C-alpha atoms as a PDB file:
ATOM      1  CA  UNK A   1      99.542-139.415 123.723  1.00  0.00           C
ATOM      2  CA  UNK A   2     101.252-141.266 126.554  1.00  0.00           C
ATOM      3  CA  UNK A   3     101.682-139.981 130.100  1.00  0.00           C
ATOM      4  CA  UNK A   4     105.377-139.425 129.271  1.00  0.00           C
ATOM      5  CA  UNK A   5     104.396-137.286 126.273  1.00  0.00           C
ATOM      6  CA  UNK A   6     101.923-135.230 128.323  1.00  0.00           C
ATOM      7  CA  UNK A   7     104.593-134.620 130.989  1.00  0.00           C
ATOM      8  CA  UNK A   8     107.070-133.453 128.357  1.00  0.00           C
ATOM      9  CA  UNK A   9     104.349-131.344 126.730  1.00  0.00           C
ATOM     10  CA  UNK A  10     103.472-129.546 129.971  1.00  0.00           C
ATOM     11  CA  UNK A  11     107.121-128.976 130.860  1.00  0.00           C
ATOM     12  CA  UNK A  12     108.156-127.591 127.472  1.00  0.00           C
ATOM     13  CA  UNK A  13     105.005-125.473 127.199  1.00  0.00           C
ATOM     14  CA  UNK A  14     105.977-123.756 130.439  1.00  0.00           C
ATOM     15  CA  UNK A  15     109.733-123.514 129.870  1.00  0.00           C
ATOM     16  CA  UNK A  16     109.239-122.096 126.362  1.00  0.00           C
ATOM     17  CA  UNK A  17     106.559-119.673 127.474  1.00  0.00           C
ATOM     18  CA  UNK A  18     108.944-118.091 129.966  1.00  0.00           C
ATOM     19  CA  UNK A  19     111.836-117.050 127.620  1.00  0.00           C
ATOM     20  CA  UNK A  20     109.946-114.178 125.999  1.00  0.00           C
ATOM     21  CA  UNK A  21     109.879-112.336 129.327  1.00  0.00           C
ATOM     22  CA  UNK A  22     113.593-112.812 129.978  1.00  0.00           C
ATOM     23  CA  UNK A  23     114.548-111.993 126.388  1.00  0.00           C
ATOM     24  CA  UNK A  24     112.621-108.735 126.724  1.00  0.00           C
ATOM     25  CA  UNK A  25     114.388-107.944 130.008  1.00  0.00           C
ATOM     26  CA  UNK A  26     117.792-108.540 128.398  1.00  0.00           C
ATOM     27  CA  UNK A  27     117.236-106.636 125.133  1.00  0.00           C
ATOM     28  CA  UNK A  28     115.658-103.701 126.966  1.00  0.00           C
ATOM     29  CA  UNK A  29     118.858-103.561 129.024  1.00  0.00           C
ATOM     30  CA  UNK A  30     120.874-103.194 125.818  1.00  0.00           C
ATOM     31  CA  UNK A  31     122.020-106.792 125.267  1.00  0.00           C
ATOM     32  CA  UNK A  32     122.384-107.293 121.461  1.00  0.00           C
ATOM     33  CA  UNK A  33     120.342-110.158 119.936  1.00  0.00           C
ATOM     34  CA  UNK A  34     123.300-112.185 118.628  1.00  0.00           C
ATOM     35  CA  UNK A  35     125.199-111.890 121.907  1.00  0.00           C
ATOM     36  CA  UNK A  36     122.076-112.876 123.847  1.00  0.00           C
ATOM     37  CA  UNK A  37     121.590-115.963 121.687  1.00  0.00           C
ATOM     38  CA  UNK A  38     125.282-116.895 121.982  1.00  0.00           C
ATOM     39  CA  UNK A  39     125.351-116.705 125.793  1.00  0.00           C
ATOM     40  CA  UNK A  40     122.144-118.718 125.943  1.00  0.00           C
ATOM     41  CA  UNK A  41     123.408-121.568 123.766  1.00  0.00           C
ATOM     42  CA  UNK A  42     126.867-121.660 125.368  1.00  0.00           C
ATOM     43  CA  UNK A  43     125.327-122.169 128.806  1.00  0.00           C
ATOM     44  CA  UNK A  44     122.899-124.788 127.500  1.00  0.00           C
ATOM     45  CA  UNK A  45     125.628-126.633 125.591  1.00  0.00           C
ATOM     46  CA  UNK A  46     127.969-126.705 128.587  1.00  0.00           C
ATOM     47  CA  UNK A  47     125.326-128.380 130.735  1.00  0.00           C
ATOM     48  CA  UNK A  48     123.990-130.903 128.203  1.00  0.00           C
ATOM     49  CA  UNK A  49     127.304-131.917 126.624  1.00  0.00           C
ATOM     50  CA  UNK A  50     128.681-132.493 130.105  1.00  0.00           C
ATOM     51  CA  UNK A  51     125.716-134.682 131.056  1.00  0.00           C
ATOM     52  CA  UNK A  52     125.888-136.593 127.748  1.00  0.00           C
ATOM     53  CA  UNK A  53     129.623-137.184 128.129  1.00  0.00           C
ATOM     54  CA  UNK A  54     129.206-138.567 131.647  1.00  0.00           C
ATOM     55  CA  UNK A  55     126.442-140.876 130.394  1.00  0.00           C
ATOM     56  CA  UNK A  56     128.544-142.062 127.433  1.00  0.00           C
ATOM     57  CA  UNK A  57     125.835-140.905 125.026  1.00  0.00           C
ATOM     58  CA  UNK A  58     128.077-138.965 122.636  1.00  0.00           C
ATOM     59  CA  UNK A  59     129.268-142.113 120.846  1.00  0.00           C
ATOM     60  CA  UNK A  60     125.868-142.532 119.215  1.00  0.00           C
ATOM     61  CA  UNK A  61     126.271-139.315 117.198  1.00  0.00           C
ATOM     62  CA  UNK A  62     128.587-140.800 114.573  1.00  0.00           C
ATOM     63  CA  UNK A  63     127.302-140.284 111.049  1.00  0.00           C
ATOM     64  CA  UNK A  64     124.711-137.710 112.141  1.00  0.00           C
ATOM     65  CA  UNK A  65     126.753-134.517 111.950  1.00  0.00           C
ATOM     66  CA  UNK A  66     125.097-132.979 108.902  1.00  0.00           C
ATOM     67  CA  UNK A  67     121.644-133.511 110.434  1.00  0.00           C
ATOM     68  CA  UNK A  68     122.819-132.064 113.744  1.00  0.00           C
ATOM     69  CA  UNK A  69     124.114-129.039 111.828  1.00  0.00           C
ATOM     70  CA  UNK A  70     120.811-128.665 109.987  1.00  0.00           C
ATOM     71  CA  UNK A  71     118.852-128.914 113.232  1.00  0.00           C
ATOM     72  CA  UNK A  72     121.169-126.423 114.951  1.00  0.00           C
ATOM     73  CA  UNK A  73     120.816-123.864 112.157  1.00  0.00           C
ATOM     74  CA  UNK A  74     117.028-123.993 111.811  1.00  0.00           C
ATOM     75  CA  UNK A  75     116.092-124.600 115.443  1.00  0.00           C
ATOM     76  CA  UNK A  76     118.685-122.410 117.174  1.00  0.00           C
ATOM     77  CA  UNK A  77     120.941-120.228 115.018  1.00  0.00           C
ATOM     78  CA  UNK A  78     118.108-118.606 113.069  1.00  0.00           C
ATOM     79  CA  UNK A  79     115.267-118.348 115.631  1.00  0.00           C
ATOM     80  CA  UNK A  80     117.159-117.321 118.774  1.00  0.00           C
ATOM     81  CA  UNK A  81     118.705-114.074 117.420  1.00  0.00           C
ATOM     82  CA  UNK A  82     115.627-113.236 115.332  1.00  0.00           C
ATOM     83  CA  UNK A  83     113.243-113.506 118.280  1.00  0.00           C
ATOM     84  CA  UNK A  84     115.569-111.315 120.357  1.00  0.00           C
ATOM     85  CA  UNK A  85     115.718-108.814 117.478  1.00  0.00           C
ATOM     86  CA  UNK A  86     111.927-108.923 117.139  1.00  0.00           C
ATOM     87  CA  UNK A  87     111.459-108.201 120.822  1.00  0.00           C
ATOM     88  CA  UNK A  88     113.406-104.982 120.384  1.00  0.00           C
ATOM     89  CA  UNK A  89     110.355-103.786 118.421  1.00  0.00           C
ATOM     90  CA  UNK A  90     107.311-105.754 119.673  1.00  0.00           C
ATOM     91  CA  UNK A  91     106.049-106.819 123.124  1.00  0.00           C
ATOM     92  CA  UNK A  92     107.146-110.192 124.479  1.00  0.00           C
ATOM     93  CA  UNK A  93     103.572-111.506 124.417  1.00  0.00           C
ATOM     94  CA  UNK A  94     103.157-110.616 120.744  1.00  0.00           C
ATOM     95  CA  UNK A  95     106.405-112.411 119.866  1.00  0.00           C
ATOM     96  CA  UNK A  96     105.145-115.582 121.552  1.00  0.00           C
ATOM     97  CA  UNK A  97     101.848-115.305 119.686  1.00  0.00           C
ATOM     98  CA  UNK A  98     103.528-115.010 116.283  1.00  0.00           C
ATOM     99  CA  UNK A  99     105.655-118.095 116.975  1.00  0.00           C
ATOM    100  CA  UNK A 100     102.364-120.004 117.286  1.00  0.00           C
ATOM    101  CA  UNK A 101     102.310-120.065 113.477  1.00  0.00           C
ATOM    102  CA  UNK A 102     104.984-122.799 113.536  1.00  0.00           C
ATOM    103  CA  UNK A 103     102.527-125.770 113.378  1.00  0.00           C
ATOM    104  CA  UNK A 104     101.017-124.301 110.232  1.00  0.00           C
ATOM    105  CA  UNK A 105     104.463-124.254 108.606  1.00  0.00           C
ATOM    106  CA  UNK A 106     104.859-127.917 109.608  1.00  0.00           C
ATOM    107  CA  UNK A 107     101.566-128.758 107.909  1.00  0.00           C
ATOM    108  CA  UNK A 108     102.709-127.003 104.732  1.00  0.00           C
ATOM    109  CA  UNK A 109     106.154-128.625 104.718  1.00  0.00           C
ATOM    110  CA  UNK A 110     104.607-132.043 105.422  1.00  0.00           C
ATOM    111  CA  UNK A 111     102.780-131.920 102.098  1.00  0.00           C
ATOM    112  CA  UNK A 112     106.166-132.330 100.429  1.00  0.00           C
ATOM    113  CA  UNK A 113     108.517-133.870 102.969  1.00  0.00           C
ATOM    114  CA  UNK A 114     106.654-135.999 105.536  1.00  0.00           C
ATOM    115  CA  UNK A 115     103.435-137.838 104.773  1.00  0.00           C
ATOM    116  CA  UNK A 116     103.098-138.987 108.387  1.00  0.00           C
ATOM    117  CA  UNK A 117     102.773-135.370 109.545  1.00  0.00           C
ATOM    118  CA  UNK A 118     100.001-134.444 107.113  1.00  0.00           C
ATOM    119  CA  UNK A 119      97.080-133.363 109.300  1.00  0.00           C
ATOM    120  CA  UNK A 120      93.794-135.246 109.252  1.00  0.00           C
ATOM    121  CA  UNK A 121      90.505-133.363 109.468  1.00  0.00           C
ATOM    122  CA  UNK A 122      90.424-133.142 113.248  1.00  0.00           C
ATOM    123  CA  UNK A 123      94.029-131.997 113.590  1.00  0.00           C
ATOM    124  CA  UNK A 124      93.602-129.550 110.704  1.00  0.00           C
ATOM    125  CA  UNK A 125      90.535-128.136 112.431  1.00  0.00           C
ATOM    126  CA  UNK A 126      92.584-127.771 115.592  1.00  0.00           C
ATOM    127  CA  UNK A 127      95.306-125.901 113.719  1.00  0.00           C
ATOM    128  CA  UNK A 128      92.753-123.565 112.154  1.00  0.00           C
ATOM    129  CA  UNK A 129      91.042-122.929 115.503  1.00  0.00           C
ATOM    130  CA  UNK A 130      94.409-122.315 117.120  1.00  0.00           C
ATOM    131  CA  UNK A 131      95.387-119.867 114.404  1.00  0.00           C
ATOM    132  CA  UNK A 132      92.080-118.041 114.898  1.00  0.00           C
ATOM    133  CA  UNK A 133      93.021-117.741 118.548  1.00  0.00           C
ATOM    134  CA  UNK A 134      96.420-116.365 117.605  1.00  0.00           C
ATOM    135  CA  UNK A 135      94.778-113.707 115.441  1.00  0.00           C
ATOM    136  CA  UNK A 136      92.301-112.776 118.197  1.00  0.00           C
ATOM    137  CA  UNK A 137      95.000-112.698 120.864  1.00  0.00           C
ATOM    138  CA  UNK A 138      97.365-110.542 118.835  1.00  0.00           C
ATOM    139  CA  UNK A 139      95.144-107.510 119.379  1.00  0.00           C
ATOM    140  CA  UNK A 140      97.451-105.072 117.559  1.00  0.00           C
ATOM    141  CA  UNK A 141      97.987-104.052 113.945  1.00  0.00           C
ATOM    142  CA  UNK A 142     101.720-104.426 113.413  1.00  0.00           C
ATOM    143  CA  UNK A 143     101.358-102.955 109.921  1.00  0.00           C
ATOM    144  CA  UNK A 144     100.746 -99.574 111.514  1.00  0.00           C
ATOM    145  CA  UNK A 145     104.416 -99.242 112.470  1.00  0.00           C
ATOM    146  CA  UNK A 146     107.408-100.097 110.288  1.00  0.00           C
ATOM    147  CA  UNK A 147     109.442-101.066 113.367  1.00  0.00           C
ATOM    148  CA  UNK A 148     106.737-103.381 114.677  1.00  0.00           C
ATOM    149  CA  UNK A 149     106.253-104.891 111.223  1.00  0.00           C
ATOM    150  CA  UNK A 150     109.981-105.603 110.877  1.00  0.00           C
ATOM    151  CA  UNK A 151     110.088-107.146 114.331  1.00  0.00           C
ATOM    152  CA  UNK A 152     106.999-109.271 113.664  1.00  0.00           C
ATOM    153  CA  UNK A 153     108.434-110.506 110.340  1.00  0.00           C
ATOM    154  CA  UNK A 154     111.678-111.481 112.078  1.00  0.00           C
ATOM    155  CA  UNK A 155     109.732-113.546 114.610  1.00  0.00           C
ATOM    156  CA  UNK A 156     107.686-115.123 111.800  1.00  0.00           C
ATOM    157  CA  UNK A 157     110.912-116.284 110.100  1.00  0.00           C
ATOM    158  CA  UNK A 158     111.924-117.748 113.459  1.00  0.00           C
ATOM    159  CA  UNK A 159     108.604-119.630 113.516  1.00  0.00           C
ATOM    160  CA  UNK A 160     109.498-121.180 110.148  1.00  0.00           C
ATOM    161  CA  UNK A 161     112.791-122.357 111.637  1.00  0.00           C
ATOM    162  CA  UNK A 162     110.865-123.868 114.523  1.00  0.00           C
ATOM    163  CA  UNK A 163     108.926-125.910 111.940  1.00  0.00           C
ATOM    164  CA  UNK A 164     111.964-127.243 110.052  1.00  0.00           C
ATOM    165  CA  UNK A 165     113.888-128.090 113.232  1.00  0.00           C
ATOM    166  CA  UNK A 166     111.527-130.653 114.773  1.00  0.00           C
ATOM    167  CA  UNK A 167     110.867-132.303 111.399  1.00  0.00           C
ATOM    168  CA  UNK A 168     114.625-132.875 111.076  1.00  0.00           C
ATOM    169  CA  UNK A 169     114.780-134.103 114.660  1.00  0.00           C
ATOM    170  CA  UNK A 170     111.960-136.582 114.178  1.00  0.00           C
ATOM    171  CA  UNK A 171     113.231-138.066 110.895  1.00  0.00           C
ATOM    172  CA  UNK A 172     116.967-138.194 111.576  1.00  0.00           C
ATOM    173  CA  UNK A 173     117.755-137.716 115.269  1.00  0.00           C
ATOM    174  CA  UNK A 174     114.836-138.949 117.374  1.00  0.00           C
ATOM    175  CA  UNK A 175     116.564-142.250 118.273  1.00  0.00           C
ATOM    176  CA  UNK A 176     119.454-140.465 119.974  1.00  0.00           C
ATOM    177  CA  UNK A 177     119.814-139.587 123.634  1.00  0.00           C
ATOM    178  CA  UNK A 178     118.308-136.056 123.815  1.00  0.00           C
ATOM    179  CA  UNK A 179     121.110-134.900 126.109  1.00  0.00           C
ATOM    180  CA  UNK A 180     123.624-135.751 123.380  1.00  0.00           C
ATOM    181  CA  UNK A 181     121.688-134.572 120.327  1.00  0.00           C
ATOM    182  CA  UNK A 182     120.528-131.334 121.927  1.00  0.00           C
ATOM    183  CA  UNK A 183     123.818-130.627 123.675  1.00  0.00           C
ATOM    184  CA  UNK A 184     125.897-131.056 120.521  1.00  0.00           C
ATOM    185  CA  UNK A 185     123.362-129.054 118.485  1.00  0.00           C
ATOM    186  CA  UNK A 186     123.712-126.219 120.980  1.00  0.00           C
ATOM    187  CA  UNK A 187     127.505-126.498 120.802  1.00  0.00           C
ATOM    188  CA  UNK A 188     127.368-126.287 116.991  1.00  0.00           C
ATOM    189  CA  UNK A 189     125.085-123.266 117.260  1.00  0.00           C
ATOM    190  CA  UNK A 190     127.513-121.630 119.682  1.00  0.00           C
ATOM    191  CA  UNK A 191     130.321-121.998 117.134  1.00  0.00           C
ATOM    192  CA  UNK A 192     128.155-120.628 114.304  1.00  0.00           C
ATOM    193  CA  UNK A 193     126.987-117.661 116.391  1.00  0.00           C
ATOM    194  CA  UNK A 194     130.423-116.746 117.785  1.00  0.00           C
ATOM    195  CA  UNK A 195     131.476-114.366 114.980  1.00  0.00           C
ATOM    196  CA  UNK A 196     128.065-112.655 115.004  1.00  0.00           C
ATOM    197  CA  UNK A 197     128.187-112.220 118.775  1.00  0.00           C
ATOM    198  CA  UNK A 198     131.770-110.953 118.595  1.00  0.00           C
ATOM    199  CA  UNK A 199     130.788-108.359 116.011  1.00  0.00           C
ATOM    200  CA  UNK A 200     127.944-107.000 118.153  1.00  0.00           C
ATOM    201  CA  UNK A 201     129.084-106.951 121.772  1.00  0.00           C
ATOM    202  CA  UNK A 202     127.175-104.960 124.412  1.00  0.00           C
ATOM    203  CA  UNK A 203     128.240-101.319 124.483  1.00  0.00           C
ATOM    204  CA  UNK A 204     128.371-101.478 128.295  1.00  0.00           C
ATOM    205  CA  UNK A 205     128.394-104.162 130.966  1.00  0.00           C
ATOM    206  CA  UNK A 206     124.873-105.662 131.270  1.00  0.00           C
ATOM    207  CA  UNK A 207     123.124-105.194 134.594  1.00  0.00           C
ATOM    208  CA  UNK A 208     122.761-107.961 137.157  1.00  0.00           C
ATOM    209  CA  UNK A 209     119.118-108.248 136.096  1.00  0.00           C
ATOM    210  CA  UNK A 210     120.146-108.849 132.486  1.00  0.00           C
ATOM    211  CA  UNK A 211     122.796-111.411 133.470  1.00  0.00           C
ATOM    212  CA  UNK A 212     120.200-113.178 135.605  1.00  0.00           C
ATOM    213  CA  UNK A 213     117.871-113.304 132.592  1.00  0.00           C
ATOM    214  CA  UNK A 214     120.661-114.797 130.455  1.00  0.00           C
ATOM    215  CA  UNK A 215     121.380-117.490 133.057  1.00  0.00           C
ATOM    216  CA  UNK A 216     117.705-118.463 133.255  1.00  0.00           C
ATOM    217  CA  UNK A 217     117.503-118.563 129.453  1.00  0.00           C
ATOM    218  CA  UNK A 218     120.577-120.777 129.196  1.00  0.00           C
ATOM    219  CA  UNK A 219     119.984-123.266 131.996  1.00  0.00           C
ATOM    220  CA  UNK A 220     116.222-123.622 132.156  1.00  0.00           C
ATOM    221  CA  UNK A 221     114.739-122.335 128.890  1.00  0.00           C
ATOM    222  CA  UNK A 222     117.454-123.972 126.771  1.00  0.00           C
ATOM    223  CA  UNK A 223     119.245-126.881 128.480  1.00  0.00           C
ATOM    224  CA  UNK A 224     116.290-128.336 130.392  1.00  0.00           C
ATOM    225  CA  UNK A 225     113.661-127.411 127.795  1.00  0.00           C
ATOM    226  CA  UNK A 226     115.564-128.974 124.878  1.00  0.00           C
ATOM    227  CA  UNK A 227     115.853-132.333 126.636  1.00  0.00           C
ATOM    228  CA  UNK A 228     112.115-132.481 127.246  1.00  0.00           C
ATOM    229  CA  UNK A 229     111.479-131.218 123.719  1.00  0.00           C
ATOM    230  CA  UNK A 230     113.517-134.078 122.250  1.00  0.00           C
ATOM    231  CA  UNK A 231     111.451-136.537 124.280  1.00  0.00           C
ATOM    232  CA  UNK A 232     108.223-134.907 123.117  1.00  0.00           C
ATOM    233  CA  UNK A 233     109.103-135.005 119.399  1.00  0.00           C
ATOM    234  CA  UNK A 234     110.163-138.644 119.608  1.00  0.00           C
ATOM    235  CA  UNK A 235     106.881-139.501 121.344  1.00  0.00           C
ATOM    236  CA  UNK A 236     104.329-137.600 119.250  1.00  0.00           C
ATOM    237  CA  UNK A 237     106.024-136.238 116.114  1.00  0.00           C
ATOM    238  CA  UNK A 238     106.904-132.740 114.940  1.00  0.00           C
ATOM    239  CA  UNK A 239     103.383-131.480 114.199  1.00  0.00           C
ATOM    240  CA  UNK A 240     101.860-132.401 117.533  1.00  0.00           C
ATOM    241  CA  UNK A 241     104.978-131.357 119.430  1.00  0.00           C
ATOM    242  CA  UNK A 242     104.647-127.856 118.016  1.00  0.00           C
ATOM    243  CA  UNK A 243     101.196-127.526 119.561  1.00  0.00           C
ATOM    244  CA  UNK A 244     103.235-126.208 122.512  1.00  0.00           C
ATOM    245  CA  UNK A 245     103.393-122.980 120.503  1.00  0.00           C
ATOM    246  CA  UNK A 246      99.660-122.579 121.194  1.00  0.00           C
ATOM    247  CA  UNK A 247     100.247-122.876 124.944  1.00  0.00           C
ATOM    248  CA  UNK A 248     103.387-120.733 125.073  1.00  0.00           C
ATOM    249  CA  UNK A 249     101.452-117.478 124.411  1.00  0.00           C
ATOM    250  CA  UNK A 250      99.241-118.176 127.422  1.00  0.00           C
ATOM    251  CA  UNK A 251     102.309-118.243 129.664  1.00  0.00           C
ATOM    252  CA  UNK A 252     104.033-115.373 127.836  1.00  0.00           C
ATOM    253  CA  UNK A 253     100.975-113.097 127.912  1.00  0.00           C
ATOM    254  CA  UNK A 254     100.379-113.762 131.604  1.00  0.00           C
ATOM    255  CA  UNK A 255     103.994-112.901 132.446  1.00  0.00           C
ATOM    256  CA  UNK A 256     104.020-109.895 130.122  1.00  0.00           C
ATOM    257  CA  UNK A 257     100.903-108.469 131.739  1.00  0.00           C
ATOM    258  CA  UNK A 258     101.865-109.268 135.327  1.00  0.00           C
ATOM    259  CA  UNK A 259     105.535-108.254 135.216  1.00  0.00           C
ATOM    260  CA  UNK A 260     106.101-105.996 132.204  1.00  0.00           C
ATOM    261  CA  UNK A 261     102.736-104.252 132.210  1.00  0.00           C
ATOM    262  CA  UNK A 262     101.959-105.260 128.613  1.00  0.00           C
ATOM    263  CA  UNK A 263      98.392-105.055 127.335  1.00  0.00           C
ATOM    264  CA  UNK A 264      97.764-107.615 124.564  1.00  0.00           C
ATOM    265  CA  UNK A 265      94.376-106.262 123.466  1.00  0.00           C
ATOM    266  CA  UNK A 266      90.650-106.716 123.920  1.00  0.00           C
ATOM    267  CA  UNK A 267      90.508-110.131 122.227  1.00  0.00           C
ATOM    268  CA  UNK A 268      92.874-111.761 124.713  1.00  0.00           C
ATOM    269  CA  UNK A 269      90.323-113.935 126.560  1.00  0.00           C
ATOM    270  CA  UNK A 270      88.665-115.180 123.356  1.00  0.00           C
ATOM    271  CA  UNK A 271      92.078-115.811 121.838  1.00  0.00           C
ATOM    272  CA  UNK A 272      93.293-117.832 124.787  1.00  0.00           C
ATOM    273  CA  UNK A 273      90.172-120.006 124.734  1.00  0.00           C
ATOM    274  CA  UNK A 274      90.541-120.662 121.007  1.00  0.00           C
ATOM    275  CA  UNK A 275      94.226-121.497 121.410  1.00  0.00           C
ATOM    276  CA  UNK A 276      93.475-124.012 124.151  1.00  0.00           C
ATOM    277  CA  UNK A 277      90.688-125.540 122.051  1.00  0.00           C
ATOM    278  CA  UNK A 278      93.008-125.777 119.056  1.00  0.00           C
ATOM    279  CA  UNK A 279      95.688-127.479 121.131  1.00  0.00           C
ATOM    280  CA  UNK A 280      93.174-130.036 122.395  1.00  0.00           C
ATOM    281  CA  UNK A 281      91.937-130.859 118.889  1.00  0.00           C
ATOM    282  CA  UNK A 282      95.471-131.009 117.484  1.00  0.00           C
ATOM    283  CA  UNK A 283      96.373-133.714 119.994  1.00  0.00           C
ATOM    284  CA  UNK A 284      93.414-135.830 118.811  1.00  0.00           C
ATOM    285  CA  UNK A 285      91.044-134.361 121.380  1.00  0.00           C
ATOM    286  CA  UNK A 286      92.261-136.583 124.180  1.00  0.00           C
ATOM    287  CA  UNK A 287      92.749-135.711 127.817  1.00  0.00           C
ATOM    288  CA  UNK A 288      95.939-136.644 129.698  1.00  0.00           C
ATOM    289  CA  UNK A 289      95.670-140.188 131.127  1.00  0.00           C
ATOM    290  CA  UNK A 290      96.186-138.918 134.681  1.00  0.00           C
ATOM    291  CA  UNK A 291      93.341-136.433 134.293  1.00  0.00           C
ATOM    292  CA  UNK A 292      91.052-139.137 132.876  1.00  0.00           C
ATOM    293  CA  UNK A 293      91.775-141.348 135.877  1.00  0.00           C
ATOM    294  CA  UNK A 294      91.125-138.447 138.239  1.00  0.00           C
ATOM    295  CA  UNK A 295      87.777-137.642 136.596  1.00  0.00           C
ATOM    296  CA  UNK A 296      86.745-141.290 136.726  1.00  0.00           C
ATOM    297  CA  UNK A 297      87.654-141.418 140.397  1.00  0.00           C
ATOM    298  CA  UNK A 298      85.279-138.589 141.234  1.00  0.00           C
ATOM    299  CA  UNK A 299      82.512-139.612 138.835  1.00  0.00           C
ATOM    300  CA  UNK A 300      79.337-140.444 140.796  1.00  0.00           C
ATOM    301  CA  UNK A 301      78.774-144.148 140.947  1.00  0.00           C
ATOM    302  CA  UNK A 302      75.518-145.344 139.462  1.00  0.00           C
ATOM    303  CA  UNK A 303      73.321-147.067 142.036  1.00  0.00           C
ATOM    304  CA  UNK A 304      71.824-150.424 140.998  1.00  0.00           C
ATOM    305  CA  UNK A 305      68.126-150.131 140.261  1.00  0.00           C
ATOM    306  CA  UNK A 306      65.623-152.210 142.252  1.00  0.00           C
ATOM    307  CA  UNK A 307      64.470-155.379 140.514  1.00  0.00           C
ATOM    308  CA  UNK A 308      60.926-153.982 140.253  1.00  0.00           C
ATOM    309  CA  UNK A 309      62.075-151.121 138.033  1.00  0.00           C
ATOM    310  CA  UNK A 310      61.928-151.684 134.302  1.00  0.00           C
END
């Protein structure tokens, strides 16, 4: 992985660990899932399409509309409302943990659709270790409640969408300017979601806190995050890019505990360690170039031995 890929990885891991908190704030305030998703994508589309238009990047989208539609449906239209629906029934940290199953869906889909994404032994071991961390971190038995089970299943379907989306992006859209491809995909998603949002409007005016959460979701967790995500997929491929879903729970759990008072369970520390180990293995077990240089800088220099020593 290049320094550019590691920068994109760190940025997206953070920006897509944050949304679970703000989604929870909005849905707990009574914002319906479809309306939440619609506001989020409209804000993101407005920013990115505007930037792409000013840069003259929209011309490169000719002949790609069906792939942009496919990406928009699987990466945005399906996951965004389903995650919001899921968080009506499960904690934000648990939703982020379930989404960490996305790389496993990529590995399964790659067996049929993308030979280059088929995991080797080291990456497969990383995926398995990461999944073990997800299981340990979950810390709750969602089968004990029908509401929690329904919410968890909704988030799991969203995770499948998050597997199909980046595979489409890598194979058909990775050569495009990410501001254009992501902005237009968000605009398509906004059109698709409009009737669903219109059919399920908030019963009362959302609070300022909820509107603030929607703005953060649209501008930072959607517009900015999607640009960096496009860069990441083009640099490292869909499978490795989705290793961010092993880091996202770390951010989501920390925010859920610190701000929402969530308690993810006794296996949280072990789960986090396994998730980090799985992420490291899934990226070929390499450290970021900047970190390698820093470690080498502080490594004790070996003193030359006297000539009399053997």
